[in-house]
Every structure is written in C-alpha cells, then in structure tokens.
Amino acid sequence: MVNRKDLKSAHEDAVLRQFGVHLKCSGINFKILGRPEPPDAFVEISEKKSWIEITDSFLDKRHAIGLTTRASDDVEHSPDDSRLVIDPDEKFSKTLYSIVAKKYDKPSMHRIAEVHGPGILLVGVFTPFTTADAVSHDESAAIAEIISSKPVQVFRTIYTYDGTGQRNFHVLYSQ
C-alpha cells in the first residue's frame, strides 16, 4: 500500500514500465529520459525522442474514489459496490471523451506539443464493464472526431490500457 499523495507517481511508474515492456515485445526500443511533470515522461522510442502523458478514465467519480481509496493506506476506503449502474457503456464513453478533450485543451499540453511536437497519451480503462481493447475499437471514431475539432495536435498517438490486471495497450487514435 502507498500514501494517497504517492499513489499517482507509483501508478505512472508502473504504467511506463508496462508500456516499455509492450513496445519491447514488438521489437521497439524504449527508454525513459526523464520525469519532469508535466509531461509524465520524456522518452526515446526507437532512437526518436517523444513525450508521454498518462491519464485514467473511470466508470464515474464514485468508481474512481472506490478504487483509489482501496489502494491508499492513509485514507479511509470508500467502497463502490451494491449499486445499480444504468447504461455503463454510455457513462464510460462520456467520461472517456471528457478526459481526452481536457488533455487536448490543457495549456501545459499545448506548450509541450509546441516545443517537442505531438506526444503520446496513455489512457487507463477503469471499468468492470469493458476492456481497453473493446474501447479502442468502439470509441476510435468518436475520439478522432473530438480531436479533429481541436486547433492544435497535442498527441500523435493515444493508447488505451486495461487499468486493472494485465496492462495490454491498444491504439485508440493514431495520426
């Protein structure tokens, strides 16, 4: 267990390690060059420098609180069980669209993209009702539409990954 304030960093470290493993399994070299915050990491992928931002998409706020308080040892756990969830696919989709749009609209992401070029966004899929693979297939057109309305290309590639269990990465969007 970890303190809530350290949870974000521990989570990002784990995601970056798993993303590196994913790329290496495909024969792609991966090296973390730095962790400045923001972005979450500067990296080298097959000898080309890039940057990575990590975010998570939860079913909803209550689900997010339930998962993060369970993983923290310095806050009381707030369980997310015994409730009826109406239309979980629509609920999750709205959350996903919102977090991707917020990353695209964030001034710090614009500044990083202007200096270093478009980066990579890794989006954790935290919902018991679907997988990162399904999200990448089902939501790619809607995400592409959202991105096409943005004046600045912030991310060259967006991957989803399963937030719980084995972290398998899937392309949600690629320029």
C-alpha atoms as a PDB file:
ATOM      1  CA  MET A   1       0.000   0.000   0.000  1.00  0.00           C
ATOM      2  CA  VAL A   2       1.040   3.587  -0.524  1.00  0.00           C
ATOM      3  CA  ASN A   3       0.072   7.016   0.740  1.00  0.00           C
ATOM      4  CA  ARG A   4      -2.548   8.682  -1.440  1.00  0.00           C
ATOM      5  CA  LYS A   5      -0.141  11.509  -2.370  1.00  0.00           C
ATOM      6  CA  ASP A   6       2.397   8.948  -3.650  1.00  0.00           C
ATOM      7  CA  LEU A   7      -0.190   6.827  -5.469  1.00  0.00           C
ATOM      8  CA  LYS A   8      -0.090   8.899  -8.682  1.00  0.00           C
ATOM      9  CA  SER A   9       3.683   8.578  -9.054  1.00  0.00           C
ATOM     10  CA  ALA A  10       3.681   4.850  -8.268  1.00  0.00           C
ATOM     11  CA  HIS A  11       0.863   4.337 -10.798  1.00  0.00           C
ATOM     12  CA  GLU A  12       2.685   6.298 -13.507  1.00  0.00           C
ATOM     13  CA  ASP A  13       5.927   4.376 -12.883  1.00  0.00           C
ATOM     14  CA  ALA A  14       4.059   1.075 -13.296  1.00  0.00           C
ATOM     15  CA  VAL A  15       2.303   2.222 -16.481  1.00  0.00           C
ATOM     16  CA  LEU A  16       5.564   3.462 -18.028  1.00  0.00           C
ATOM     17  CA  ARG A  17       7.312   0.170 -17.205  1.00  0.00           C
ATOM     18  CA  GLN A  18       4.474  -1.833 -18.739  1.00  0.00           C
ATOM     19  CA  PHE A  19       4.368   0.400 -21.828  1.00  0.00           C
ATOM     20  CA  GLY A  20       8.102  -0.207 -22.246  1.00  0.00           C
ATOM     21  CA  VAL A  21       7.526  -3.970 -21.994  1.00  0.00           C
ATOM     22  CA  HIS A  22       4.708  -3.695 -24.548  1.00  0.00           C
ATOM     23  CA  LEU A  23       6.956  -1.879 -27.023  1.00  0.00           C
ATOM     24  CA  LYS A  24       9.931  -4.180 -26.429  1.00  0.00           C
ATOM     25  CA  CYS A  25       7.717  -7.219 -27.153  1.00  0.00           C
ATOM     26  CA  SER A  26       7.091  -5.623 -30.548  1.00  0.00           C
ATOM     27  CA  GLY A  27      10.838  -5.163 -31.103  1.00  0.00           C
ATOM     28  CA  ILE A  28      10.754  -1.432 -30.341  1.00  0.00           C
ATOM     29  CA  ASN A  29      13.432   0.105 -28.114  1.00  0.00           C
ATOM     30  CA  PHE A  30      12.101   2.221 -25.240  1.00  0.00           C
ATOM     31  CA  LYS A  31      13.968   4.373 -22.755  1.00  0.00           C
ATOM     32  CA  ILE A  32      12.722   6.841 -20.141  1.00  0.00           C
ATOM     33  CA  LEU A  33      14.819  10.011 -20.323  1.00  0.00           C
ATOM     34  CA  GLY A  34      13.168  11.999 -17.546  1.00  0.00           C
ATOM     35  CA  ARG A  35      10.063  12.544 -15.423  1.00  0.00           C
ATOM     36  CA  PRO A  36       9.582  16.348 -15.274  1.00  0.00           C
ATOM     37  CA  GLU A  37       5.800  16.634 -14.597  1.00  0.00           C
ATOM     38  CA  PRO A  38       4.423  17.793 -16.923  1.00  0.00           C
ATOM     39  CA  PRO A  39       4.664  15.743 -19.046  1.00  0.00           C
ATOM     40  CA  ASP A  40       4.728  12.482 -17.139  1.00  0.00           C
ATOM     41  CA  ALA A  41       7.819  11.356 -19.052  1.00  0.00           C
ATOM     42  CA  PHE A  42      10.236  12.252 -21.792  1.00  0.00           C
ATOM     43  CA  VAL A  43      11.149   9.077 -23.645  1.00  0.00           C
ATOM     44  CA  GLU A  44      13.156   7.697 -26.505  1.00  0.00           C
ATOM     45  CA  ILE A  45      11.337   5.241 -28.754  1.00  0.00           C
ATOM     46  CA  SER A  46      13.470   3.603 -31.432  1.00  0.00           C
ATOM     47  CA  GLU A  47      16.012   6.421 -31.091  1.00  0.00           C
ATOM     48  CA  LYS A  48      13.367   9.162 -31.546  1.00  0.00           C
ATOM     49  CA  LYS A  49      12.586  11.465 -28.652  1.00  0.00           C
ATOM     50  CA  SER A  50       8.982  11.920 -27.610  1.00  0.00           C
ATOM     51  CA  TRP A  51       6.922  12.544 -24.515  1.00  0.00           C
ATOM     52  CA  ILE A  52       4.155  10.722 -22.679  1.00  0.00           C
ATOM     53  CA  GLU A  53       1.180  11.865 -20.655  1.00  0.00           C
ATOM     54  CA  ILE A  54      -0.791   9.336 -18.581  1.00  0.00           C
ATOM     55  CA  THR A  55      -4.417   9.695 -17.555  1.00  0.00           C
ATOM     56  CA  ASP A  56      -7.174   7.398 -16.387  1.00  0.00           C
ATOM     57  CA  SER A  57     -10.795   7.034 -17.389  1.00  0.00           C
ATOM     58  CA  PHE A  58     -13.048   5.564 -14.714  1.00  0.00           C
ATOM     59  CA  LEU A  59     -16.651   4.431 -14.985  1.00  0.00           C
ATOM     60  CA  ASP A  60     -17.561   7.504 -12.925  1.00  0.00           C
ATOM     61  CA  LYS A  61     -16.328   9.557  -9.969  1.00  0.00           C
ATOM     62  CA  ARG A  62     -17.699   7.132  -7.379  1.00  0.00           C
ATOM     63  CA  HIS A  63     -15.855   4.231  -9.012  1.00  0.00           C
ATOM     64  CA  ALA A  64     -12.630   6.273  -9.116  1.00  0.00           C
ATOM     65  CA  ILE A  65     -12.869   7.087  -5.418  1.00  0.00           C
ATOM     66  CA  GLY A  66     -13.576   3.450  -4.578  1.00  0.00           C
ATOM     67  CA  LEU A  67     -10.522   2.200  -6.457  1.00  0.00           C
ATOM     68  CA  THR A  68      -8.088   4.878  -5.308  1.00  0.00           C
ATOM     69  CA  THR A  69      -9.097   4.774  -1.651  1.00  0.00           C
ATOM     70  CA  ARG A  70      -8.692   0.974  -1.650  1.00  0.00           C
ATOM     71  CA  ALA A  71      -5.105   1.404  -2.935  1.00  0.00           C
ATOM     72  CA  SER A  72      -4.199   4.081  -0.367  1.00  0.00           C
ATOM     73  CA  ASP A  73      -3.220   3.313   3.185  1.00  0.00           C
ATOM     74  CA  ASP A  74      -3.711   6.806   4.614  1.00  0.00           C
ATOM     75  CA  VAL A  75      -7.385   7.409   3.756  1.00  0.00           C
ATOM     76  CA  GLU A  76     -10.493   5.510   4.692  1.00  0.00           C
ATOM     77  CA  HIS A  77     -11.732   3.231   1.913  1.00  0.00           C
ATOM     78  CA  SER A  78     -14.951   4.372   0.288  1.00  0.00           C
ATOM     79  CA  PRO A  79     -16.411   1.227  -1.320  1.00  0.00           C
ATOM     80  CA  ASP A  80     -18.119   1.307  -4.681  1.00  0.00           C
ATOM     81  CA  ASP A  81     -20.429  -1.663  -4.508  1.00  0.00           C
ATOM     82  CA  SER A  82     -24.077  -2.556  -4.072  1.00  0.00           C
ATOM     83  CA  ARG A  83     -25.358  -0.033  -6.559  1.00  0.00           C
ATOM     84  CA  LEU A  84     -27.178  -0.231  -9.834  1.00  0.00           C
ATOM     85  CA  VAL A  85     -25.344   1.298 -12.790  1.00  0.00           C
ATOM     86  CA  ILE A  86     -27.640   2.343 -15.614  1.00  0.00           C
ATOM     87  CA  ASP A  87     -26.124   2.300 -19.121  1.00  0.00           C
ATOM     88  CA  PRO A  88     -22.480   1.799 -18.103  1.00  0.00           C
ATOM     89  CA  ASP A  89     -21.197   1.956 -21.701  1.00  0.00           C
ATOM     90  CA  GLU A  90     -22.641   5.426 -22.273  1.00  0.00           C
ATOM     91  CA  LYS A  91     -21.471   6.597 -18.847  1.00  0.00           C
ATOM     92  CA  PHE A  92     -17.915   5.412 -19.505  1.00  0.00           C
ATOM     93  CA  SER A  93     -17.864   6.813 -23.051  1.00  0.00           C
ATOM     94  CA  LYS A  94     -18.796  10.277 -21.794  1.00  0.00           C
ATOM     95  CA  THR A  95     -16.040  10.102 -19.192  1.00  0.00           C
ATOM     96  CA  LEU A  96     -13.506   8.981 -21.806  1.00  0.00           C
ATOM     97  CA  TYR A  97     -14.438  11.780 -24.223  1.00  0.00           C
ATOM     98  CA  SER A  98     -14.237  14.319 -21.432  1.00  0.00           C
ATOM     99  CA  ILE A  99     -10.775  13.337 -20.227  1.00  0.00           C
ATOM    100  CA  VAL A 100      -9.298  13.213 -23.744  1.00  0.00           C
ATOM    101  CA  ALA A 101     -10.810  16.620 -24.554  1.00  0.00           C
ATOM    102  CA  LYS A 102      -9.484  18.065 -21.274  1.00  0.00           C
ATOM    103  CA  LYS A 103      -5.958  16.851 -22.067  1.00  0.00           C
ATOM    104  CA  TYR A 104      -6.210  18.449 -25.525  1.00  0.00           C
ATOM    105  CA  ASP A 105      -7.440  21.727 -24.039  1.00  0.00           C
ATOM    106  CA  LYS A 106      -4.861  21.921 -21.251  1.00  0.00           C
ATOM    107  CA  PRO A 107      -2.440  24.850 -21.802  1.00  0.00           C
ATOM    108  CA  SER A 108       0.544  22.905 -20.427  1.00  0.00           C
ATOM    109  CA  MET A 109      -0.047  20.159 -23.032  1.00  0.00           C
ATOM    110  CA  HIS A 110      -0.172  22.811 -25.791  1.00  0.00           C
ATOM    111  CA  ARG A 111       3.156  24.279 -24.632  1.00  0.00           C
ATOM    112  CA  ILE A 112       4.826  20.859 -24.541  1.00  0.00           C
ATOM    113  CA  ALA A 113       3.493  19.946 -28.014  1.00  0.00           C
ATOM    114  CA  GLU A 114       4.677  23.293 -29.430  1.00  0.00           C
ATOM    115  CA  VAL A 115       8.222  22.716 -28.157  1.00  0.00           C
ATOM    116  CA  HIS A 116       8.581  18.928 -28.533  1.00  0.00           C
ATOM    117  CA  GLY A 117       5.955  18.026 -31.127  1.00  0.00           C
ATOM    118  CA  PRO A 118       2.896  15.839 -30.583  1.00  0.00           C
ATOM    119  CA  GLY A 119       3.298  13.213 -27.856  1.00  0.00           C
ATOM    120  CA  ILE A 120       1.683  10.019 -26.676  1.00  0.00           C
ATOM    121  CA  LEU A 121      -1.334   9.766 -24.381  1.00  0.00           C
ATOM    122  CA  LEU A 122      -1.849   6.584 -22.352  1.00  0.00           C
ATOM    123  CA  VAL A 123      -5.413   6.212 -21.064  1.00  0.00           C
ATOM    124  CA  GLY A 124      -6.223   3.666 -18.384  1.00  0.00           C
ATOM    125  CA  VAL A 125      -9.605   1.987 -18.747  1.00  0.00           C
ATOM    126  CA  PHE A 126     -11.010   1.503 -15.242  1.00  0.00           C
ATOM    127  CA  THR A 127     -14.463  -0.032 -15.503  1.00  0.00           C
ATOM    128  CA  PRO A 128     -15.739  -3.547 -14.863  1.00  0.00           C
ATOM    129  CA  PHE A 129     -17.976  -3.366 -17.927  1.00  0.00           C
ATOM    130  CA  THR A 130     -15.463  -3.287 -20.796  1.00  0.00           C
ATOM    131  CA  THR A 131     -11.802  -3.675 -21.760  1.00  0.00           C
ATOM    132  CA  ALA A 132      -9.189  -1.417 -23.283  1.00  0.00           C
ATOM    133  CA  ASP A 133      -9.294  -3.478 -26.459  1.00  0.00           C
ATOM    134  CA  ALA A 134     -13.064  -3.031 -26.822  1.00  0.00           C
ATOM    135  CA  VAL A 135     -12.806   0.683 -26.042  1.00  0.00           C
ATOM    136  CA  SER A 136     -10.126   1.128 -28.718  1.00  0.00           C
ATOM    137  CA  HIS A 137     -12.394  -0.486 -31.301  1.00  0.00           C
ATOM    138  CA  ASP A 138     -15.697   1.025 -30.201  1.00  0.00           C
ATOM    139  CA  GLU A 139     -14.584   4.582 -29.457  1.00  0.00           C
ATOM    140  CA  SER A 140     -11.884   5.303 -32.051  1.00  0.00           C
ATOM    141  CA  ALA A 141     -14.185   7.132 -34.488  1.00  0.00           C
ATOM    142  CA  ALA A 142     -15.682   9.331 -31.756  1.00  0.00           C
ATOM    143  CA  ILE A 143     -12.227  10.171 -30.376  1.00  0.00           C
ATOM    144  CA  ALA A 144     -10.965  11.011 -33.884  1.00  0.00           C
ATOM    145  CA  GLU A 145     -13.948  13.347 -34.302  1.00  0.00           C
ATOM    146  CA  ILE A 146     -13.215  15.087 -30.999  1.00  0.00           C
ATOM    147  CA  ILE A 147      -9.552  15.502 -31.922  1.00  0.00           C
ATOM    148  CA  SER A 148     -10.353  16.812 -35.411  1.00  0.00           C
ATOM    149  CA  SER A 149     -12.195  19.743 -33.828  1.00  0.00           C
ATOM    150  CA  LYS A 150      -9.113  20.793 -31.832  1.00  0.00           C
ATOM    151  CA  PRO A 151      -6.907  23.585 -33.229  1.00  0.00           C
ATOM    152  CA  VAL A 152      -3.632  22.012 -32.027  1.00  0.00           C
ATOM    153  CA  GLN A 153      -2.412  18.459 -32.493  1.00  0.00           C
ATOM    154  CA  VAL A 154      -1.262  17.600 -28.971  1.00  0.00           C
ATOM    155  CA  PHE A 155      -0.954  13.810 -29.244  1.00  0.00           C
ATOM    156  CA  ARG A 156       0.330  11.787 -32.196  1.00  0.00           C
ATOM    157  CA  THR A 157      -0.955   8.519 -30.701  1.00  0.00           C
ATOM    158  CA  ILE A 158      -3.433   7.637 -27.983  1.00  0.00           C
ATOM    159  CA  TYR A 159      -3.342   4.192 -26.415  1.00  0.00           C
ATOM    160  CA  THR A 160      -5.795   2.591 -24.028  1.00  0.00           C
ATOM    161  CA  TYR A 161      -4.689   0.049 -21.476  1.00  0.00           C
ATOM    162  CA  ASP A 162      -6.533  -2.129 -19.005  1.00  0.00           C
ATOM    163  CA  GLY A 163      -6.273  -0.373 -15.670  1.00  0.00           C
ATOM    164  CA  THR A 164      -6.650  -3.498 -13.618  1.00  0.00           C
ATOM    165  CA  GLY A 165      -4.920  -6.782 -14.160  1.00  0.00           C
ATOM    166  CA  GLN A 166      -2.505  -7.147 -17.051  1.00  0.00           C
ATOM    167  CA  ARG A 167      -1.801  -3.899 -18.840  1.00  0.00           C
ATOM    168  CA  ASN A 168      -2.330  -4.566 -22.529  1.00  0.00           C
ATOM    169  CA  PHE A 169      -2.003  -1.477 -24.724  1.00  0.00           C
ATOM    170  CA  HIS A 170      -4.232  -0.805 -27.740  1.00  0.00           C
ATOM    171  CA  VAL A 171      -4.173   2.072 -30.215  1.00  0.00           C
ATOM    172  CA  LEU A 172      -7.254   4.261 -29.784  1.00  0.00           C
ATOM    173  CA  TYR A 173      -6.085   7.006 -32.141  1.00  0.00           C
ATOM    174  CA  SER A 174      -3.030   7.498 -34.333  1.00  0.00           C
ATOM    175  CA  GLN A 175      -2.131  10.413 -36.569  1.00  0.00           C
END
